[in-house]
N, C-alpha and C. Protein backbone atom coordinates (compact mmCIF):
# COMPACT_ATOMS: atom_id res chain seq x y z
N MET A 1 -96.37 -76.59 132.39
CA MET A 1 -97.52 -75.63 133.43
C MET A 1 -98.76 -74.97 132.36
N PRO A 2 -100.03 -75.62 132.70
CA PRO A 2 -101.18 -75.50 131.84
C PRO A 2 -101.48 -73.84 131.90
N ARG A 3 -101.94 -73.60 130.62
CA ARG A 3 -102.15 -71.59 130.00
C ARG A 3 -103.83 -71.97 130.37
N THR A 4 -104.10 -70.94 131.22
CA THR A 4 -105.25 -70.78 131.38
C THR A 4 -105.61 -69.14 131.30
N ASN A 5 -107.16 -69.52 130.47
CA ASN A 5 -107.64 -68.40 130.00
C ASN A 5 -108.29 -67.59 131.35
N ARG A 6 -108.06 -66.51 131.48
CA ARG A 6 -108.87 -65.71 132.27
C ARG A 6 -109.75 -64.75 131.59
N ILE A 7 -110.86 -64.60 131.80
CA ILE A 7 -111.74 -63.35 131.15
C ILE A 7 -111.65 -62.54 132.54
N THR A 8 -111.03 -61.15 132.23
CA THR A 8 -111.39 -60.16 133.28
C THR A 8 -112.33 -59.05 133.00
N PHE A 9 -113.40 -58.90 133.87
CA PHE A 9 -114.19 -57.89 134.08
C PHE A 9 -113.98 -56.55 134.16
N LYS A 10 -114.28 -55.34 133.54
CA LYS A 10 -113.68 -53.89 133.91
C LYS A 10 -114.86 -53.37 134.84
N THR A 11 -114.94 -53.53 136.30
CA THR A 11 -115.93 -53.24 137.05
C THR A 11 -116.27 -52.25 136.88
N ARG A 12 -115.65 -51.15 136.80
CA ARG A 12 -115.79 -49.87 137.33
C ARG A 12 -114.94 -49.27 135.65
N LEU A 13 -116.03 -48.13 135.45
CA LEU A 13 -115.85 -47.52 133.86
C LEU A 13 -114.91 -46.03 134.40
N SER A 14 -114.09 -45.60 133.43
CA SER A 14 -113.57 -44.59 133.69
C SER A 14 -114.61 -43.39 133.22
N GLU A 15 -114.29 -42.19 133.77
CA GLU A 15 -115.15 -41.07 133.60
C GLU A 15 -115.32 -40.90 132.08
N ARG A 16 -114.16 -40.71 131.16
CA ARG A 16 -113.99 -41.11 129.83
C ARG A 16 -115.12 -41.77 129.37
N GLU A 17 -115.28 -42.92 129.81
CA GLU A 17 -115.87 -44.03 129.12
C GLU A 17 -117.46 -43.64 129.82
N VAL A 18 -117.65 -43.45 130.62
CA VAL A 18 -118.72 -43.07 130.95
C VAL A 18 -119.97 -41.75 130.31
N ILE A 19 -118.43 -40.36 129.88
CA ILE A 19 -119.28 -39.70 129.15
C ILE A 19 -119.86 -40.05 127.90
N LEU A 20 -119.18 -40.95 127.03
CA LEU A 20 -119.02 -41.62 126.11
C LEU A 20 -119.96 -42.83 125.58
N LYS A 21 -120.57 -43.17 126.93
CA LYS A 21 -121.41 -44.26 126.94
C LYS A 21 -122.61 -43.48 126.87
N ARG A 22 -122.86 -42.02 127.68
CA ARG A 22 -123.93 -41.36 127.96
C ARG A 22 -124.71 -40.38 126.60
N ILE A 23 -123.26 -40.10 125.72
CA ILE A 23 -123.21 -39.70 124.49
C ILE A 23 -124.01 -40.42 123.55
N HIS A 24 -123.52 -41.79 123.41
CA HIS A 24 -123.99 -42.91 122.58
C HIS A 24 -125.58 -43.26 122.92
N ASN A 25 -126.01 -43.22 124.49
CA ASN A 25 -127.63 -43.50 124.43
C ASN A 25 -128.64 -42.32 124.55
N GLN A 26 -127.64 -40.99 124.40
CA GLN A 26 -128.77 -39.76 123.69
C GLN A 26 -129.28 -39.47 122.27
N ASN A 27 -128.30 -40.06 121.75
CA ASN A 27 -127.87 -39.51 120.22
C ASN A 27 -129.31 -40.08 119.47
N PRO A 28 -129.61 -41.48 120.05
CA PRO A 28 -130.42 -42.23 119.35
C PRO A 28 -131.68 -41.30 119.89
N LEU A 29 -131.65 -41.00 121.35
CA LEU A 29 -133.18 -40.23 121.79
C LEU A 29 -133.52 -39.37 121.51
N VAL A 30 -132.72 -38.07 121.12
CA VAL A 30 -132.48 -37.01 120.20
C VAL A 30 -133.26 -37.15 119.00
N LEU A 31 -132.78 -38.00 118.21
CA LEU A 31 -133.30 -38.45 116.84
C LEU A 31 -134.48 -39.37 116.79
N CYS A 32 -135.03 -39.57 117.72
CA CYS A 32 -136.27 -40.83 118.11
C CYS A 32 -137.26 -39.60 118.40
N LEU A 33 -137.04 -38.81 119.34
CA LEU A 33 -137.90 -37.70 119.93
C LEU A 33 -138.12 -36.47 118.46
N LEU A 34 -137.12 -36.38 117.86
CA LEU A 34 -137.68 -35.34 116.53
C LEU A 34 -138.46 -36.29 115.12
N GLY A 35 -137.68 -37.62 115.15
CA GLY A 35 -138.48 -38.27 114.23
C GLY A 35 -140.20 -38.84 114.67
N GLY A 36 -140.48 -38.75 116.14
CA GLY A 36 -141.84 -39.11 116.50
C GLY A 36 -142.63 -37.99 116.45
N LEU A 37 -141.92 -36.70 116.67
CA LEU A 37 -142.14 -35.35 116.81
C LEU A 37 -143.22 -35.34 115.38
N LEU A 38 -142.22 -35.24 114.55
CA LEU A 38 -142.41 -34.79 113.20
C LEU A 38 -143.42 -36.34 112.41
N MET A 39 -143.63 -37.45 113.26
CA MET A 39 -144.69 -38.11 112.48
C MET A 39 -146.27 -37.88 113.19
N ILE A 40 -145.73 -37.57 114.78
CA ILE A 40 -147.24 -37.21 115.05
C ILE A 40 -147.90 -35.83 114.41
N ALA A 41 -146.64 -34.87 114.06
CA ALA A 41 -147.12 -33.77 113.67
C ALA A 41 -147.94 -34.03 112.23
N SER A 42 -147.24 -34.55 111.32
CA SER A 42 -147.57 -35.32 109.89
C SER A 42 -148.77 -36.08 109.70
N GLY A 43 -149.07 -36.72 110.90
CA GLY A 43 -150.21 -37.55 111.11
C GLY A 43 -151.85 -36.90 111.33
N ALA A 44 -151.58 -35.97 112.13
CA ALA A 44 -152.59 -34.77 112.49
C ALA A 44 -152.90 -33.98 110.93
N SER A 45 -151.85 -33.13 111.01
CA SER A 45 -151.78 -32.14 109.78
C SER A 45 -152.13 -32.74 108.48
N GLY A 46 -151.96 -33.89 108.28
CA GLY A 46 -152.08 -34.96 106.89
C GLY A 46 -153.59 -35.22 106.79
N ALA A 47 -154.46 -35.47 107.90
CA ALA A 47 -155.94 -36.02 107.73
C ALA A 47 -156.47 -34.40 107.71
N ILE A 48 -156.55 -33.80 108.60
CA ILE A 48 -156.67 -32.53 108.14
C ILE A 48 -156.57 -31.78 106.92
N GLY A 49 -155.39 -31.47 106.43
CA GLY A 49 -155.63 -31.10 105.26
C GLY A 49 -156.19 -31.47 103.82
N THR A 50 -156.05 -33.01 103.99
CA THR A 50 -156.49 -34.00 102.89
C THR A 50 -157.85 -33.95 102.93
N LEU A 51 -158.94 -34.13 104.42
CA LEU A 51 -159.78 -33.71 104.33
C LEU A 51 -160.71 -32.51 104.19
N ALA A 52 -159.65 -31.26 104.13
CA ALA A 52 -160.42 -29.95 103.89
C ALA A 52 -160.20 -29.74 102.39
N GLU A 53 -159.43 -30.35 101.60
CA GLU A 53 -158.95 -29.97 99.94
C GLU A 53 -159.95 -30.71 99.52
N LEU A 54 -160.03 -31.67 99.63
CA LEU A 54 -160.76 -33.02 99.14
C LEU A 54 -162.31 -33.23 99.42
N GLY A 55 -162.96 -32.80 100.56
CA GLY A 55 -163.77 -33.41 101.00
C GLY A 55 -165.07 -33.00 100.50
N PRO A 56 -165.25 -31.26 99.76
CA PRO A 56 -166.20 -31.07 99.12
C PRO A 56 -166.16 -31.32 97.67
N HIS A 57 -164.99 -31.81 96.81
CA HIS A 57 -165.43 -32.66 95.58
C HIS A 57 -165.42 -34.00 95.60
N LEU A 58 -165.32 -34.48 96.93
CA LEU A 58 -165.56 -35.88 97.05
C LEU A 58 -167.02 -35.99 96.92
N GLY A 59 -167.44 -34.75 97.71
CA GLY A 59 -168.91 -34.62 98.10
C GLY A 59 -169.74 -34.59 96.70
N ASP A 60 -169.31 -34.01 96.04
CA ASP A 60 -169.91 -33.48 94.74
C ASP A 60 -170.03 -34.78 93.57
N LEU A 61 -169.04 -35.58 94.01
CA LEU A 61 -168.88 -36.81 92.90
C LEU A 61 -169.66 -37.89 93.33
N PHE A 62 -169.38 -38.19 95.19
CA PHE A 62 -169.76 -39.52 94.93
C PHE A 62 -170.79 -39.66 95.81
N GLY A 63 -171.63 -38.02 96.37
CA GLY A 63 -171.84 -38.19 97.86
C GLY A 63 -171.95 -37.96 99.05
N ALA A 64 -172.73 -37.78 100.17
CA ALA A 64 -172.33 -37.53 101.39
C ALA A 64 -171.94 -38.94 101.92
N GLY A 65 -172.64 -40.04 102.06
CA GLY A 65 -171.56 -41.28 101.92
C GLY A 65 -170.43 -41.37 101.89
N PHE A 66 -170.00 -41.17 100.54
CA PHE A 66 -168.48 -41.74 100.59
C PHE A 66 -167.81 -40.66 101.09
N VAL A 67 -167.88 -39.49 101.05
CA VAL A 67 -167.54 -38.59 102.28
C VAL A 67 -167.02 -38.78 103.58
N LEU A 68 -168.04 -39.57 104.23
CA LEU A 68 -167.99 -39.93 105.37
C LEU A 68 -167.00 -40.96 105.61
N THR A 69 -167.01 -42.17 104.77
CA THR A 69 -166.18 -43.10 104.81
C THR A 69 -164.96 -42.82 104.23
N PHE A 70 -164.60 -41.97 103.42
CA PHE A 70 -163.42 -41.47 103.66
C PHE A 70 -162.78 -40.52 105.02
N ASP A 71 -163.46 -40.03 105.33
CA ASP A 71 -163.08 -39.20 106.49
C ASP A 71 -162.95 -40.48 107.29
N ILE A 72 -163.31 -41.24 107.66
CA ILE A 72 -163.29 -42.70 108.87
C ILE A 72 -161.69 -42.67 108.64
N ILE A 73 -161.79 -43.17 107.22
CA ILE A 73 -160.30 -43.94 106.49
C ILE A 73 -159.13 -43.10 107.28
N MET A 74 -159.35 -41.70 106.53
CA MET A 74 -158.30 -41.23 107.00
C MET A 74 -158.05 -40.57 108.13
N GLY A 75 -158.95 -40.42 109.07
CA GLY A 75 -158.75 -40.69 110.44
C GLY A 75 -158.13 -41.62 111.03
N ILE A 76 -157.88 -42.74 110.58
CA ILE A 76 -157.99 -43.92 110.92
C ILE A 76 -156.23 -44.37 110.47
N LEU A 77 -156.22 -43.46 109.71
CA LEU A 77 -154.90 -43.82 109.05
C LEU A 77 -153.96 -41.95 109.79
N ALA A 78 -154.34 -41.69 110.18
CA ALA A 78 -153.93 -40.29 111.00
C ALA A 78 -153.78 -40.85 112.14
N GLY A 79 -154.55 -41.72 112.85
CA GLY A 79 -154.26 -42.54 114.19
C GLY A 79 -153.25 -43.09 113.92
N LEU A 80 -152.87 -43.88 113.35
CA LEU A 80 -151.80 -45.08 112.73
C LEU A 80 -150.32 -44.45 112.83
N THR A 81 -150.43 -43.15 112.14
CA THR A 81 -149.06 -42.36 111.98
C THR A 81 -148.91 -41.81 113.45
N PHE A 82 -149.73 -41.33 114.01
CA PHE A 82 -149.85 -40.82 115.03
C PHE A 82 -149.17 -41.68 116.69
N ILE A 83 -149.72 -42.95 116.71
CA ILE A 83 -149.49 -43.98 117.01
C ILE A 83 -148.07 -44.42 117.16
N GLY A 84 -147.52 -44.38 115.52
CA GLY A 84 -146.38 -45.05 115.00
C GLY A 84 -145.00 -43.62 115.54
N GLY A 85 -146.11 -42.62 115.62
CA GLY A 85 -144.73 -41.15 116.50
C GLY A 85 -144.78 -41.23 117.73
N THR A 86 -145.82 -41.85 118.49
CA THR A 86 -145.60 -41.84 119.90
C THR A 86 -144.69 -42.98 120.31
N GLY A 87 -144.96 -44.26 119.49
CA GLY A 87 -144.42 -45.35 119.69
C GLY A 87 -142.68 -45.69 119.89
N VAL A 88 -142.01 -44.29 118.93
CA VAL A 88 -140.94 -44.05 118.38
C VAL A 88 -140.24 -43.53 119.46
N ILE A 89 -141.08 -42.32 120.10
CA ILE A 89 -140.77 -41.71 121.14
C ILE A 89 -140.32 -42.63 122.24
N ALA A 90 -141.49 -43.66 122.48
CA ALA A 90 -141.14 -44.43 123.64
C ALA A 90 -140.48 -45.72 123.22
N GLY A 91 -140.03 -45.89 122.47
CA GLY A 91 -138.56 -46.75 122.03
C GLY A 91 -137.72 -45.69 122.31
N GLY A 92 -137.28 -44.85 122.12
CA GLY A 92 -136.27 -43.65 121.56
C GLY A 92 -136.25 -43.19 123.38
N LEU A 93 -137.15 -43.71 124.43
CA LEU A 93 -136.38 -43.69 125.32
C LEU A 93 -136.29 -45.15 126.36
N ILE A 94 -136.61 -46.06 125.58
CA ILE A 94 -136.65 -47.77 125.83
C ILE A 94 -134.90 -47.60 125.82
N LEU A 95 -134.54 -47.30 124.39
CA LEU A 95 -133.22 -47.32 123.96
C LEU A 95 -131.74 -46.31 125.17
N THR A 96 -132.40 -45.78 125.72
CA THR A 96 -131.65 -45.32 126.73
C THR A 96 -131.44 -46.36 128.43
N THR A 97 -132.20 -47.03 128.39
CA THR A 97 -131.91 -48.30 129.14
C THR A 97 -130.74 -49.29 128.97
N ARG A 98 -131.24 -50.66 129.88
CA ARG A 98 -130.64 -51.64 129.53
C ARG A 98 -130.98 -52.31 128.58
N ARG A 99 -132.63 -52.25 128.48
CA ARG A 99 -133.04 -53.05 127.56
C ARG A 99 -133.23 -52.39 125.99
N TYR A 100 -132.12 -52.25 125.82
CA TYR A 100 -131.64 -51.56 124.06
C TYR A 100 -132.22 -51.86 123.35
N GLN A 101 -132.20 -53.38 123.46
CA GLN A 101 -132.61 -54.16 122.20
C GLN A 101 -134.04 -53.95 122.12
N LEU A 102 -134.72 -54.25 123.12
CA LEU A 102 -136.39 -54.24 122.96
C LEU A 102 -136.35 -52.94 122.33
N GLY A 103 -136.04 -51.72 122.76
CA GLY A 103 -136.30 -50.24 122.37
C GLY A 103 -135.91 -50.40 120.98
N ARG A 104 -134.90 -50.74 120.16
CA ARG A 104 -134.64 -50.76 118.85
C ARG A 104 -135.91 -51.39 117.97
N TYR A 105 -136.84 -53.12 118.93
CA TYR A 105 -137.46 -53.65 118.01
C TYR A 105 -138.70 -52.54 118.11
N VAL A 106 -139.21 -51.68 119.23
CA VAL A 106 -140.36 -51.08 119.03
C VAL A 106 -140.30 -49.94 118.09
N VAL A 107 -138.65 -49.20 117.94
CA VAL A 107 -138.55 -48.06 116.83
C VAL A 107 -139.32 -48.79 115.91
N LEU A 108 -138.62 -49.62 115.58
CA LEU A 108 -138.65 -50.49 114.05
C LEU A 108 -140.04 -50.85 113.88
N LEU A 109 -140.67 -51.53 114.98
CA LEU A 109 -142.00 -51.52 114.33
C LEU A 109 -142.93 -50.59 114.45
N CYS A 110 -142.95 -49.40 115.21
CA CYS A 110 -143.48 -48.13 114.83
C CYS A 110 -143.07 -47.05 113.67
N ILE A 111 -141.96 -47.36 113.29
CA ILE A 111 -141.80 -46.56 111.75
C ILE A 111 -142.77 -47.55 110.84
N VAL A 112 -142.74 -48.88 110.91
CA VAL A 112 -143.32 -49.64 109.70
C VAL A 112 -144.89 -48.98 110.46
N MET A 113 -145.29 -49.16 111.24
CA MET A 113 -146.53 -48.33 111.47
C MET A 113 -146.74 -46.56 110.67
N GLY A 114 -145.97 -46.64 111.18
CA GLY A 114 -146.06 -44.81 110.80
C GLY A 114 -146.05 -44.43 109.00
N VAL A 115 -145.31 -45.57 108.47
CA VAL A 115 -145.07 -45.84 107.05
C VAL A 115 -145.83 -46.05 106.42
N SER A 116 -146.67 -46.86 106.60
CA SER A 116 -147.45 -47.56 106.58
C SER A 116 -148.78 -46.90 106.17
N GLY A 117 -148.77 -45.88 107.70
CA GLY A 117 -150.13 -44.54 107.14
C GLY A 117 -150.05 -43.90 106.16
N LEU A 118 -148.71 -43.28 106.09
CA LEU A 118 -148.45 -42.52 105.15
C LEU A 118 -148.24 -43.11 103.71
N VAL A 119 -147.88 -44.45 103.50
CA VAL A 119 -148.27 -44.94 102.18
C VAL A 119 -149.50 -45.17 102.12
N MET A 120 -150.23 -45.76 102.85
CA MET A 120 -151.75 -45.94 102.70
C MET A 120 -152.54 -44.35 102.66
N SER A 121 -152.03 -43.35 102.82
CA SER A 121 -152.75 -41.78 102.82
C SER A 121 -152.62 -41.53 101.37
N LEU A 122 -151.06 -42.03 100.76
CA LEU A 122 -150.61 -41.31 99.42
C LEU A 122 -151.72 -42.30 98.12
N ILE A 123 -151.84 -43.63 98.87
CA ILE A 123 -152.76 -44.51 98.00
C ILE A 123 -154.48 -44.39 97.96
N GLN A 124 -154.77 -43.69 99.47
CA GLN A 124 -156.44 -42.96 99.26
C GLN A 124 -156.10 -42.21 98.48
N LEU A 125 -155.25 -41.24 98.16
CA LEU A 125 -155.08 -40.24 97.34
C LEU A 125 -155.51 -40.49 96.04
N LEU A 126 -155.01 -41.51 95.58
CA LEU A 126 -154.67 -41.98 94.14
C LEU A 126 -155.98 -42.65 93.88
N MET A 127 -157.03 -43.49 94.92
CA MET A 127 -157.91 -44.10 94.88
C MET A 127 -158.91 -43.14 94.29
N ALA A 128 -158.95 -42.02 95.22
CA ALA A 128 -159.71 -41.03 94.94
C ALA A 128 -159.82 -40.33 93.72
N GLY A 129 -158.60 -40.51 93.18
CA GLY A 129 -158.63 -39.75 91.51
C GLY A 129 -157.57 -38.43 91.55
N THR A 130 -157.03 -38.15 92.62
CA THR A 130 -156.55 -37.25 92.77
C THR A 130 -154.74 -37.54 92.57
N LEU A 131 -154.56 -37.08 91.59
CA LEU A 131 -152.84 -37.03 91.04
C LEU A 131 -152.18 -35.89 91.96
N MET A 132 -152.79 -35.11 91.47
CA MET A 132 -151.78 -33.80 92.15
C MET A 132 -152.19 -33.20 93.88
N MET A 133 -151.23 -33.18 94.49
CA MET A 133 -151.44 -33.29 95.74
C MET A 133 -151.15 -31.41 96.17
N GLY A 134 -152.14 -30.92 97.18
CA GLY A 134 -151.86 -29.62 97.53
C GLY A 134 -151.02 -29.59 98.47
N LEU A 135 -150.55 -28.21 98.60
CA LEU A 135 -149.35 -27.97 99.34
C LEU A 135 -149.37 -28.33 100.56
N SER A 136 -150.69 -28.25 101.17
CA SER A 136 -150.57 -29.27 103.07
C SER A 136 -150.70 -30.47 102.77
N ILE A 137 -151.01 -31.01 102.12
CA ILE A 137 -150.87 -32.76 102.15
C ILE A 137 -149.17 -32.44 101.48
N GLN A 138 -148.82 -32.19 100.34
CA GLN A 138 -146.97 -32.40 100.89
C GLN A 138 -146.51 -32.07 101.64
N LEU A 139 -146.97 -30.95 102.61
CA LEU A 139 -146.05 -30.56 103.61
C LEU A 139 -145.97 -31.88 104.63
N ALA A 140 -147.33 -32.30 105.03
CA ALA A 140 -147.69 -32.99 105.73
C ALA A 140 -147.04 -34.49 105.41
N GLN A 141 -146.75 -34.59 104.34
CA GLN A 141 -146.02 -36.02 103.77
C GLN A 141 -144.93 -36.13 103.64
N SER A 142 -143.85 -34.85 103.76
CA SER A 142 -142.93 -34.61 103.84
C SER A 142 -142.24 -34.58 105.29
N ILE A 143 -143.11 -34.00 106.14
CA ILE A 143 -142.86 -33.98 107.02
C ILE A 143 -142.61 -35.44 108.10
N GLY A 144 -144.03 -36.27 107.69
CA GLY A 144 -144.07 -37.46 107.95
C GLY A 144 -142.76 -38.37 107.93
N TRP A 145 -142.48 -38.13 106.26
CA TRP A 145 -141.02 -38.87 105.60
C TRP A 145 -139.79 -38.73 106.09
N ILE A 146 -139.49 -37.20 106.60
CA ILE A 146 -138.55 -36.88 107.15
C ILE A 146 -138.78 -37.35 109.00
N GLY A 147 -139.87 -37.56 109.43
CA GLY A 147 -139.91 -38.29 110.59
C GLY A 147 -139.43 -39.60 110.58
N ALA A 148 -139.40 -40.18 109.63
CA ALA A 148 -139.24 -41.99 109.02
C ALA A 148 -137.81 -42.03 109.20
N ILE A 149 -137.51 -40.78 108.61
CA ILE A 149 -136.03 -41.49 108.44
C ILE A 149 -135.14 -40.79 109.71
N PHE A 150 -135.77 -39.82 110.42
CA PHE A 150 -134.57 -39.75 111.56
C PHE A 150 -135.01 -40.62 112.06
N SER A 151 -136.04 -41.61 112.66
CA SER A 151 -136.11 -42.78 113.71
C SER A 151 -135.17 -44.04 113.06
N MET A 152 -135.15 -43.88 111.91
CA MET A 152 -134.79 -45.06 111.36
C MET A 152 -132.98 -44.81 111.48
N ILE A 153 -132.40 -43.35 111.35
CA ILE A 153 -131.03 -43.27 111.61
C ILE A 153 -131.07 -43.48 113.34
N ALA A 154 -131.95 -43.49 114.08
CA ALA A 154 -132.13 -43.48 115.56
C ALA A 154 -131.50 -45.05 115.61
N GLN A 155 -132.29 -45.99 115.09
CA GLN A 155 -132.81 -47.21 115.40
C GLN A 155 -131.17 -48.02 114.55
N THR A 156 -130.86 -47.38 113.71
CA THR A 156 -129.35 -47.88 113.06
C THR A 156 -128.23 -47.46 113.93
N ILE A 157 -128.23 -45.76 114.90
CA ILE A 157 -127.13 -45.82 115.69
C ILE A 157 -127.55 -46.59 116.94
N ALA A 158 -128.54 -46.92 117.26
CA ALA A 158 -128.47 -47.63 118.66
C ALA A 158 -127.99 -49.40 118.22
N GLU A 159 -127.89 -49.81 117.03
CA GLU A 159 -127.58 -51.09 116.47
C GLU A 159 -126.43 -51.08 116.53
N GLN A 160 -125.04 -50.44 116.72
CA GLN A 160 -124.16 -49.73 116.57
C GLN A 160 -123.35 -50.14 118.03
N PRO A 161 -122.21 -51.00 118.28
CA PRO A 161 -121.68 -51.14 119.98
C PRO A 161 -121.20 -49.30 119.95
N SER A 162 -121.21 -49.08 121.39
CA SER A 162 -120.75 -48.18 122.05
C SER A 162 -119.47 -47.90 121.87
N MET A 163 -119.14 -46.16 121.36
CA MET A 163 -117.61 -45.77 121.05
C MET A 163 -116.66 -46.19 122.23
N ILE A 164 -116.89 -46.82 122.89
CA ILE A 164 -116.04 -46.97 124.16
C ILE A 164 -114.49 -47.28 123.92
N VAL A 165 -113.62 -47.00 124.04
CA VAL A 165 -112.20 -47.62 123.56
C VAL A 165 -111.39 -47.88 125.10
N SER A 166 -111.30 -49.23 125.06
CA SER A 166 -110.41 -50.00 126.18
C SER A 166 -109.08 -49.66 125.96
N GLU A 167 -108.84 -49.61 127.17
CA GLU A 167 -107.15 -48.58 127.68
C GLU A 167 -106.21 -49.90 127.87
């Protein structure tokens, strides 16, 4: 008698499995919300703090034209970090749907955008000749990096399979 391999699908999840799956989907969402909000706060406070601390000194050294260019560049970098934070939150929401693979890619892309904004603002400070950061710049950078780390942890958790144990 030939042996047939049958694949059986479990159509109904037990109550325990539903709870575990819900928890697995909500953990990355919470981390993405925290990370996105921290990145948004970093983008806003980082640009404002940098402009407030460096604006008068750069005006004395290079003139008003350079300060205007510097303001525009810092605004673009703050916008990039803001968009990255908003995208991380949107990606976290997508992670809770059936299209979690798309959510993982959105979160990863937005982490790269946010981190590139943070790195470029550090490079901008170095190019301006300021090797020491003020307290507000340090705080904004730290908040942004912590937000990016939270988002990366959320993306890593979303990669892992659900903890549902079949009976």
